[in-house]
């Protein structure tokens, strides 16, 4: 059995947010995430697979042990450093459901030869993408 990665190895995406309550509510109510844990107002773990949200005000990556690392939410939502990609079976159907729940998309779904994509932002401006692959035409690897 491999030590790393092992079957129990998991990857969590830490998302730094301006307002933890607002963001937890948005991911729960709009995207349908399950709240797995909340930690005294300092962070919350949400599950699609797994997403950790923490407030941006001085939150330290490891409780202060890495003295030079302080997390920050994006200062300009049009210049993200990361993106959450949500793979869905039907992008257009997911778009309609999420719009009904209050999600604001940047545009209607766009069809590419290999997938259909729709981009949205959370309350902090973090870019997310809803995408459904088209099985008949995948891009060439390389």
N, C-alpha and C. Protein backbone atom coordinates (compact mmCIF):
# COMPACT_ATOMS: atom_id res chain seq x y z
N UNK A 1 0.83 -1.18 0.00
CA UNK A 1 0.00 0.00 0.00
C UNK A 1 0.88 1.26 0.00
N UNK A 2 0.56 2.20 -0.83
CA UNK A 2 1.32 3.44 -0.92
C UNK A 2 1.11 4.28 0.33
N UNK A 3 2.19 4.89 0.81
CA UNK A 3 2.10 5.78 1.96
C UNK A 3 1.50 7.12 1.53
N UNK A 4 1.93 7.58 0.36
CA UNK A 4 1.37 8.83 -0.17
C UNK A 4 1.38 8.77 -1.69
N UNK A 5 0.30 8.99 -2.34
CA UNK A 5 -1.01 9.18 -1.73
C UNK A 5 -1.61 7.84 -1.33
N UNK A 6 -2.29 7.81 -0.21
CA UNK A 6 -2.99 6.62 0.26
C UNK A 6 -4.48 6.79 -0.02
N UNK A 7 -5.24 5.74 0.16
CA UNK A 7 -6.68 5.82 -0.08
C UNK A 7 -7.34 6.91 0.76
N UNK A 8 -6.82 7.16 1.95
CA UNK A 8 -7.40 8.16 2.84
C UNK A 8 -6.89 9.57 2.57
N UNK A 9 -6.00 9.76 1.60
CA UNK A 9 -5.47 11.08 1.29
C UNK A 9 -6.59 11.92 0.68
N UNK A 10 -6.71 13.15 1.15
CA UNK A 10 -7.76 14.04 0.67
C UNK A 10 -7.12 15.40 0.40
N UNK A 11 -7.66 16.14 -0.52
CA UNK A 11 -7.18 17.48 -0.83
C UNK A 11 -8.32 18.45 -0.56
N UNK A 12 -8.05 19.45 0.25
CA UNK A 12 -9.04 20.46 0.59
C UNK A 12 -8.58 21.79 0.02
N UNK A 13 -9.46 22.52 -0.59
CA UNK A 13 -9.16 23.85 -1.13
C UNK A 13 -9.55 24.87 -0.09
N UNK A 14 -8.58 25.64 0.40
CA UNK A 14 -8.83 26.72 1.35
C UNK A 14 -9.22 27.96 0.57
N UNK A 15 -10.35 28.52 0.91
CA UNK A 15 -10.85 29.72 0.25
C UNK A 15 -10.92 30.82 1.30
N UNK A 16 -10.15 31.87 1.14
CA UNK A 16 -10.14 32.98 2.08
C UNK A 16 -11.25 33.95 1.68
N UNK A 17 -12.10 34.31 2.64
CA UNK A 17 -13.29 35.10 2.36
C UNK A 17 -13.35 36.34 3.26
N UNK A 18 -14.06 37.36 2.84
CA UNK A 18 -14.20 38.59 3.62
C UNK A 18 -15.19 38.41 4.76
N UNK A 19 -16.27 37.69 4.53
CA UNK A 19 -17.33 37.53 5.52
C UNK A 19 -17.70 36.05 5.57
N UNK A 20 -17.24 35.36 6.61
CA UNK A 20 -17.42 33.91 6.70
C UNK A 20 -18.88 33.51 6.70
N UNK A 21 -19.71 34.17 7.49
CA UNK A 21 -21.15 33.81 7.54
C UNK A 21 -21.81 33.96 6.18
N UNK A 22 -21.55 35.08 5.53
CA UNK A 22 -22.15 35.33 4.21
C UNK A 22 -21.70 34.27 3.21
N UNK A 23 -20.42 33.93 3.21
CA UNK A 23 -19.91 32.95 2.26
C UNK A 23 -20.43 31.55 2.55
N UNK A 24 -20.47 31.16 3.82
CA UNK A 24 -21.02 29.84 4.17
C UNK A 24 -22.47 29.76 3.71
N UNK A 25 -23.25 30.81 3.96
CA UNK A 25 -24.65 30.82 3.53
C UNK A 25 -24.75 30.71 2.01
N UNK A 26 -23.90 31.42 1.28
CA UNK A 26 -23.95 31.38 -0.18
C UNK A 26 -23.60 30.00 -0.71
N UNK A 27 -22.52 29.40 -0.24
CA UNK A 27 -22.14 28.07 -0.71
C UNK A 27 -23.16 27.01 -0.31
N UNK A 28 -23.78 27.17 0.86
CA UNK A 28 -24.81 26.23 1.31
C UNK A 28 -26.11 26.43 0.52
N UNK A 29 -26.61 27.67 0.48
CA UNK A 29 -27.93 27.94 -0.08
C UNK A 29 -27.96 28.03 -1.60
N UNK A 30 -26.89 28.54 -2.21
CA UNK A 30 -26.87 28.69 -3.66
C UNK A 30 -26.28 27.45 -4.33
N UNK A 31 -25.11 27.01 -3.87
CA UNK A 31 -24.47 25.86 -4.51
C UNK A 31 -24.86 24.51 -3.90
N UNK A 32 -25.54 24.53 -2.75
CA UNK A 32 -26.00 23.29 -2.16
C UNK A 32 -24.95 22.52 -1.39
N UNK A 33 -23.91 23.20 -0.91
CA UNK A 33 -22.86 22.53 -0.14
C UNK A 33 -23.40 22.08 1.21
N UNK A 34 -22.82 21.01 1.71
CA UNK A 34 -23.13 20.50 3.04
C UNK A 34 -22.08 21.07 4.00
N UNK A 35 -22.52 21.58 5.15
CA UNK A 35 -21.58 22.06 6.15
C UNK A 35 -21.09 20.84 6.93
N UNK A 36 -19.80 20.58 6.86
CA UNK A 36 -19.21 19.42 7.52
C UNK A 36 -18.74 19.80 8.92
N UNK A 37 -18.25 21.03 9.09
CA UNK A 37 -17.79 21.47 10.40
C UNK A 37 -17.63 22.97 10.44
N UNK A 38 -17.82 23.55 11.61
CA UNK A 38 -17.58 24.97 11.83
C UNK A 38 -16.70 25.08 13.06
N UNK A 39 -15.75 26.00 13.01
CA UNK A 39 -14.73 26.07 14.04
C UNK A 39 -14.70 27.43 14.71
N UNK A 40 -15.66 27.67 15.59
CA UNK A 40 -15.68 28.86 16.42
C UNK A 40 -15.63 30.18 15.68
N UNK A 41 -16.18 30.25 14.49
CA UNK A 41 -16.17 31.48 13.72
C UNK A 41 -14.86 31.74 12.99
N UNK A 42 -13.91 30.78 13.08
CA UNK A 42 -12.62 30.97 12.42
C UNK A 42 -12.57 30.31 11.06
N UNK A 43 -13.39 29.30 10.84
CA UNK A 43 -13.43 28.63 9.54
C UNK A 43 -14.61 27.67 9.51
N UNK A 44 -14.93 27.20 8.32
CA UNK A 44 -15.99 26.22 8.12
C UNK A 44 -15.58 25.30 6.99
N UNK A 45 -15.88 24.02 7.14
CA UNK A 45 -15.60 23.06 6.08
C UNK A 45 -16.93 22.72 5.41
N UNK A 46 -16.95 22.89 4.10
CA UNK A 46 -18.14 22.62 3.30
C UNK A 46 -17.83 21.47 2.38
N UNK A 47 -18.81 20.67 2.09
CA UNK A 47 -18.56 19.52 1.23
C UNK A 47 -19.37 19.58 -0.05
N UNK A 48 -18.68 19.59 -1.13
CA UNK A 48 -19.12 19.12 -2.43
C UNK A 48 -18.31 17.86 -2.51
N UNK A 49 -17.06 18.08 -2.52
CA UNK A 49 -16.03 17.14 -2.13
C UNK A 49 -15.54 17.69 -0.81
N UNK A 50 -14.86 18.84 -0.86
CA UNK A 50 -14.39 19.49 0.35
C UNK A 50 -13.93 20.90 0.02
N UNK A 51 -14.35 21.86 0.81
CA UNK A 51 -13.95 23.25 0.65
C UNK A 51 -13.83 23.85 2.04
N UNK A 52 -12.72 24.46 2.36
CA UNK A 52 -12.51 25.10 3.64
C UNK A 52 -12.56 26.61 3.42
N UNK A 53 -13.44 27.29 4.14
CA UNK A 53 -13.55 28.74 4.05
C UNK A 53 -13.09 29.35 5.36
N UNK A 54 -12.30 30.43 5.27
CA UNK A 54 -11.78 31.12 6.45
C UNK A 54 -11.81 32.62 6.19
N UNK A 55 -12.06 33.42 7.24
CA UNK A 55 -12.08 34.87 7.04
C UNK A 55 -10.70 35.40 6.70
N UNK A 56 -10.65 36.49 5.94
CA UNK A 56 -9.37 36.99 5.43
C UNK A 56 -8.59 37.83 6.43
N UNK A 57 -9.21 38.33 7.45
CA UNK A 57 -8.54 39.27 8.35
C UNK A 57 -7.47 38.60 9.20
N UNK A 58 -6.26 38.53 8.66
CA UNK A 58 -5.13 38.03 9.40
C UNK A 58 -5.10 36.54 9.63
N UNK A 59 -5.92 35.79 8.93
CA UNK A 59 -5.94 34.33 9.12
C UNK A 59 -4.61 33.78 8.68
N UNK A 60 -4.00 32.98 9.55
CA UNK A 60 -2.68 32.44 9.26
C UNK A 60 -2.81 31.01 8.77
N UNK A 61 -1.99 30.66 7.83
CA UNK A 61 -2.06 29.36 7.17
C UNK A 61 -1.97 28.20 8.14
N UNK A 62 -1.23 28.33 9.24
CA UNK A 62 -1.08 27.21 10.16
C UNK A 62 -1.18 27.65 11.61
N UNK A 63 -2.00 28.64 11.89
CA UNK A 63 -2.15 29.11 13.26
C UNK A 63 -0.98 29.95 13.73
N UNK A 64 -0.12 30.39 12.83
CA UNK A 64 0.98 31.26 13.19
C UNK A 64 2.35 30.62 13.12
N UNK A 65 2.42 29.33 12.84
CA UNK A 65 3.72 28.67 12.78
C UNK A 65 4.52 29.08 11.56
N UNK A 66 3.87 29.38 10.46
CA UNK A 66 4.56 29.87 9.26
C UNK A 66 4.47 31.39 9.31
N UNK A 67 5.42 31.99 9.98
CA UNK A 67 5.36 33.42 10.30
C UNK A 67 5.21 34.34 9.09
N UNK A 68 5.62 33.92 7.92
CA UNK A 68 5.57 34.81 6.76
C UNK A 68 4.32 34.63 5.91
N UNK A 69 3.42 33.72 6.27
CA UNK A 69 2.26 33.42 5.43
C UNK A 69 0.98 33.93 6.09
N UNK A 70 0.35 34.91 5.47
CA UNK A 70 -0.96 35.39 5.89
C UNK A 70 -1.86 35.35 4.66
N UNK A 71 -3.00 34.71 4.79
CA UNK A 71 -3.91 34.52 3.67
C UNK A 71 -4.68 35.80 3.37
N UNK A 72 -5.09 35.98 2.11
CA UNK A 72 -5.85 37.15 1.71
C UNK A 72 -6.81 36.76 0.59
N UNK A 73 -8.01 37.34 0.64
CA UNK A 73 -8.96 37.11 -0.45
C UNK A 73 -8.54 37.97 -1.64
N UNK A 74 -9.04 37.68 -2.84
CA UNK A 74 -8.59 38.45 -4.02
C UNK A 74 -8.94 39.92 -3.91
N UNK A 75 -7.99 40.78 -4.28
CA UNK A 75 -8.24 42.22 -4.24
C UNK A 75 -8.97 42.69 -5.49
N UNK A 76 -8.83 41.95 -6.58
CA UNK A 76 -9.47 42.30 -7.84
C UNK A 76 -10.13 41.04 -8.41
N UNK A 77 -11.47 40.94 -8.36
CA UNK A 77 -12.13 39.73 -8.83
C UNK A 77 -11.93 39.43 -10.31
N UNK A 78 -11.47 40.41 -11.09
CA UNK A 78 -11.20 40.17 -12.50
C UNK A 78 -9.79 39.63 -12.75
N UNK A 79 -9.01 39.42 -11.66
CA UNK A 79 -7.66 38.88 -11.76
C UNK A 79 -7.48 37.78 -10.72
N UNK A 80 -8.24 36.69 -10.83
CA UNK A 80 -8.14 35.63 -9.82
C UNK A 80 -6.83 34.86 -9.93
N UNK A 81 -6.37 34.34 -8.80
CA UNK A 81 -5.19 33.49 -8.80
C UNK A 81 -5.58 32.01 -8.79
N UNK A 82 -6.85 31.76 -8.57
CA UNK A 82 -7.35 30.38 -8.55
C UNK A 82 -8.82 30.39 -8.95
N UNK A 83 -9.31 29.23 -9.26
CA UNK A 83 -10.71 29.11 -9.67
C UNK A 83 -11.24 27.78 -9.15
N UNK A 84 -12.46 27.78 -8.70
CA UNK A 84 -13.11 26.54 -8.30
C UNK A 84 -13.85 26.01 -9.53
N UNK A 85 -13.58 24.78 -9.90
CA UNK A 85 -14.25 24.18 -11.06
C UNK A 85 -15.17 23.08 -10.56
N UNK A 86 -16.44 23.23 -10.86
CA UNK A 86 -17.45 22.26 -10.43
C UNK A 86 -17.87 21.46 -11.66
N UNK A 87 -17.48 20.20 -11.70
CA UNK A 87 -17.87 19.34 -12.82
C UNK A 87 -19.31 18.87 -12.59
N UNK A 88 -20.13 19.08 -13.57
CA UNK A 88 -21.55 18.70 -13.48
C UNK A 88 -21.94 17.90 -14.72
N UNK A 89 -22.96 17.05 -14.61
CA UNK A 89 -23.38 16.27 -15.78
C UNK A 89 -23.99 17.12 -16.89
N UNK A 90 -24.67 18.22 -16.51
CA UNK A 90 -25.36 19.06 -17.49
C UNK A 90 -25.19 20.52 -17.08
N UNK A 91 -24.28 21.23 -17.72
CA UNK A 91 -23.97 22.61 -17.36
C UNK A 91 -25.17 23.54 -17.50
N UNK A 92 -25.93 23.38 -18.57
CA UNK A 92 -27.08 24.27 -18.78
C UNK A 92 -28.15 24.07 -17.70
N UNK A 93 -28.38 22.82 -17.32
CA UNK A 93 -29.36 22.54 -16.26
C UNK A 93 -28.86 23.08 -14.92
N UNK A 94 -27.56 22.89 -14.63
CA UNK A 94 -26.99 23.42 -13.39
C UNK A 94 -27.08 24.94 -13.37
N UNK A 95 -26.81 25.57 -14.50
CA UNK A 95 -26.91 27.03 -14.62
C UNK A 95 -28.31 27.49 -14.25
N UNK A 96 -29.33 26.85 -14.80
CA UNK A 96 -30.71 27.24 -14.52
C UNK A 96 -31.05 27.08 -13.04
N UNK A 97 -30.64 25.99 -12.43
CA UNK A 97 -30.90 25.75 -11.00
C UNK A 97 -30.20 26.81 -10.16
N UNK A 98 -28.94 27.07 -10.45
CA UNK A 98 -28.17 28.02 -9.65
C UNK A 98 -28.67 29.44 -9.80
N UNK A 99 -29.08 29.84 -11.00
CA UNK A 99 -29.69 31.16 -11.19
C UNK A 99 -30.95 31.28 -10.34
N UNK A 100 -31.74 30.21 -10.29
CA UNK A 100 -32.94 30.19 -9.46
C UNK A 100 -32.64 30.33 -7.98
N UNK A 101 -31.46 29.92 -7.56
CA UNK A 101 -31.04 30.04 -6.16
C UNK A 101 -30.33 31.36 -5.87
N UNK A 102 -30.15 32.20 -6.88
CA UNK A 102 -29.54 33.50 -6.65
C UNK A 102 -28.11 33.66 -7.13
N UNK A 103 -27.55 32.65 -7.79
CA UNK A 103 -26.19 32.78 -8.31
C UNK A 103 -26.17 33.79 -9.45
N UNK A 104 -25.12 34.58 -9.51
CA UNK A 104 -24.95 35.55 -10.59
C UNK A 104 -23.82 35.09 -11.50
N UNK A 105 -24.17 34.74 -12.72
CA UNK A 105 -23.19 34.28 -13.70
C UNK A 105 -22.68 35.45 -14.50
N UNK A 106 -21.45 35.33 -14.99
CA UNK A 106 -20.86 36.38 -15.81
C UNK A 106 -21.48 36.41 -17.20
N UNK A 107 -21.98 35.26 -17.65
CA UNK A 107 -22.64 35.14 -18.96
C UNK A 107 -23.40 33.81 -18.96
N UNK A 108 -24.19 33.62 -19.99
CA UNK A 108 -24.87 32.33 -20.17
C UNK A 108 -23.82 31.26 -20.50
N UNK A 109 -24.16 29.99 -20.34
CA UNK A 109 -23.21 28.91 -20.68
C UNK A 109 -22.70 29.05 -22.11
N UNK A 110 -21.41 28.73 -22.27
CA UNK A 110 -20.75 28.81 -23.58
C UNK A 110 -20.33 27.40 -23.97
N UNK A 111 -20.59 27.04 -25.21
CA UNK A 111 -20.26 25.70 -25.70
C UNK A 111 -18.95 25.72 -26.46
N UNK A 112 -18.04 24.84 -26.06
CA UNK A 112 -16.77 24.60 -26.73
C UNK A 112 -16.84 23.21 -27.34
N UNK A 113 -15.94 22.84 -28.22
CA UNK A 113 -15.99 21.50 -28.80
C UNK A 113 -15.87 20.38 -27.76
N UNK A 114 -15.21 20.65 -26.62
CA UNK A 114 -14.94 19.61 -25.62
C UNK A 114 -15.80 19.72 -24.37
N UNK A 115 -16.41 20.89 -24.10
CA UNK A 115 -17.24 21.04 -22.91
C UNK A 115 -18.13 22.27 -23.01
N UNK A 116 -19.05 22.36 -22.08
CA UNK A 116 -19.91 23.54 -21.93
C UNK A 116 -19.52 24.16 -20.59
N UNK A 117 -19.29 25.48 -20.57
CA UNK A 117 -18.84 26.19 -19.38
C UNK A 117 -19.74 27.36 -19.05
N UNK A 118 -19.85 27.66 -17.77
CA UNK A 118 -20.53 28.86 -17.31
C UNK A 118 -19.76 29.38 -16.08
N UNK A 119 -19.44 30.65 -16.06
CA UNK A 119 -18.64 31.24 -15.00
C UNK A 119 -19.50 32.07 -14.06
N UNK A 120 -19.23 31.96 -12.77
CA UNK A 120 -19.93 32.74 -11.76
C UNK A 120 -18.95 33.16 -10.69
N UNK A 121 -19.39 34.03 -9.78
CA UNK A 121 -18.56 34.48 -8.67
C UNK A 121 -19.33 34.32 -7.37
N UNK A 122 -18.57 34.05 -6.30
CA UNK A 122 -19.17 34.01 -4.98
C UNK A 122 -19.24 35.44 -4.43
N UNK A 123 -19.76 35.65 -3.21
CA UNK A 123 -19.89 37.02 -2.70
C UNK A 123 -18.58 37.79 -2.60
N UNK A 124 -17.43 37.09 -2.51
CA UNK A 124 -16.13 37.77 -2.44
C UNK A 124 -15.52 37.99 -3.81
N UNK A 125 -16.17 37.51 -4.85
CA UNK A 125 -15.65 37.67 -6.19
C UNK A 125 -14.80 36.51 -6.66
N UNK A 126 -14.71 35.44 -5.85
CA UNK A 126 -13.93 34.28 -6.27
C UNK A 126 -14.59 33.65 -7.49
N UNK A 127 -13.79 33.43 -8.51
CA UNK A 127 -14.28 32.88 -9.76
C UNK A 127 -14.53 31.38 -9.63
N UNK A 128 -15.67 30.95 -10.12
CA UNK A 128 -16.00 29.54 -10.17
C UNK A 128 -16.49 29.22 -11.58
N UNK A 129 -16.37 27.98 -11.94
CA UNK A 129 -16.82 27.55 -13.26
C UNK A 129 -17.65 26.29 -13.10
N UNK A 130 -18.78 26.26 -13.74
CA UNK A 130 -19.59 25.06 -13.85
C UNK A 130 -19.29 24.52 -15.24
N UNK A 131 -18.95 23.24 -15.34
CA UNK A 131 -18.57 22.69 -16.64
C UNK A 131 -19.09 21.28 -16.79
N UNK A 132 -19.53 20.95 -17.99
CA UNK A 132 -19.89 19.58 -18.32
C UNK A 132 -19.14 19.18 -19.58
N UNK A 133 -18.47 18.03 -19.48
CA UNK A 133 -17.67 17.53 -20.61
C UNK A 133 -18.57 16.98 -21.69
N UNK A 134 -18.10 17.13 -22.92
CA UNK A 134 -18.78 16.52 -24.07
C UNK A 134 -17.96 15.31 -24.46
N UNK A 135 -18.51 14.16 -24.33
CA UNK A 135 -17.76 12.91 -24.51
C UNK A 135 -17.30 12.67 -25.94
N UNK A 136 -18.01 13.18 -26.91
CA UNK A 136 -17.66 12.87 -28.29
C UNK A 136 -16.42 13.59 -28.81
N UNK A 137 -16.00 14.69 -28.15
CA UNK A 137 -14.87 15.43 -28.69
C UNK A 137 -14.03 16.01 -27.57
N UNK A 138 -13.07 15.26 -27.07
CA UNK A 138 -12.17 15.75 -26.04
C UNK A 138 -10.94 16.35 -26.70
N UNK A 139 -10.32 17.40 -26.09
CA UNK A 139 -9.12 17.98 -26.68
C UNK A 139 -7.96 16.98 -26.62
N UNK A 140 -7.05 17.10 -27.56
CA UNK A 140 -5.89 16.21 -27.59
C UNK A 140 -4.99 16.49 -26.41
N UNK A 141 -4.45 15.44 -25.81
CA UNK A 141 -3.51 15.58 -24.68
C UNK A 141 -2.19 16.12 -25.22
N UNK A 142 -1.53 16.87 -24.37
CA UNK A 142 -0.22 17.30 -24.82
C UNK A 142 0.13 18.59 -24.35
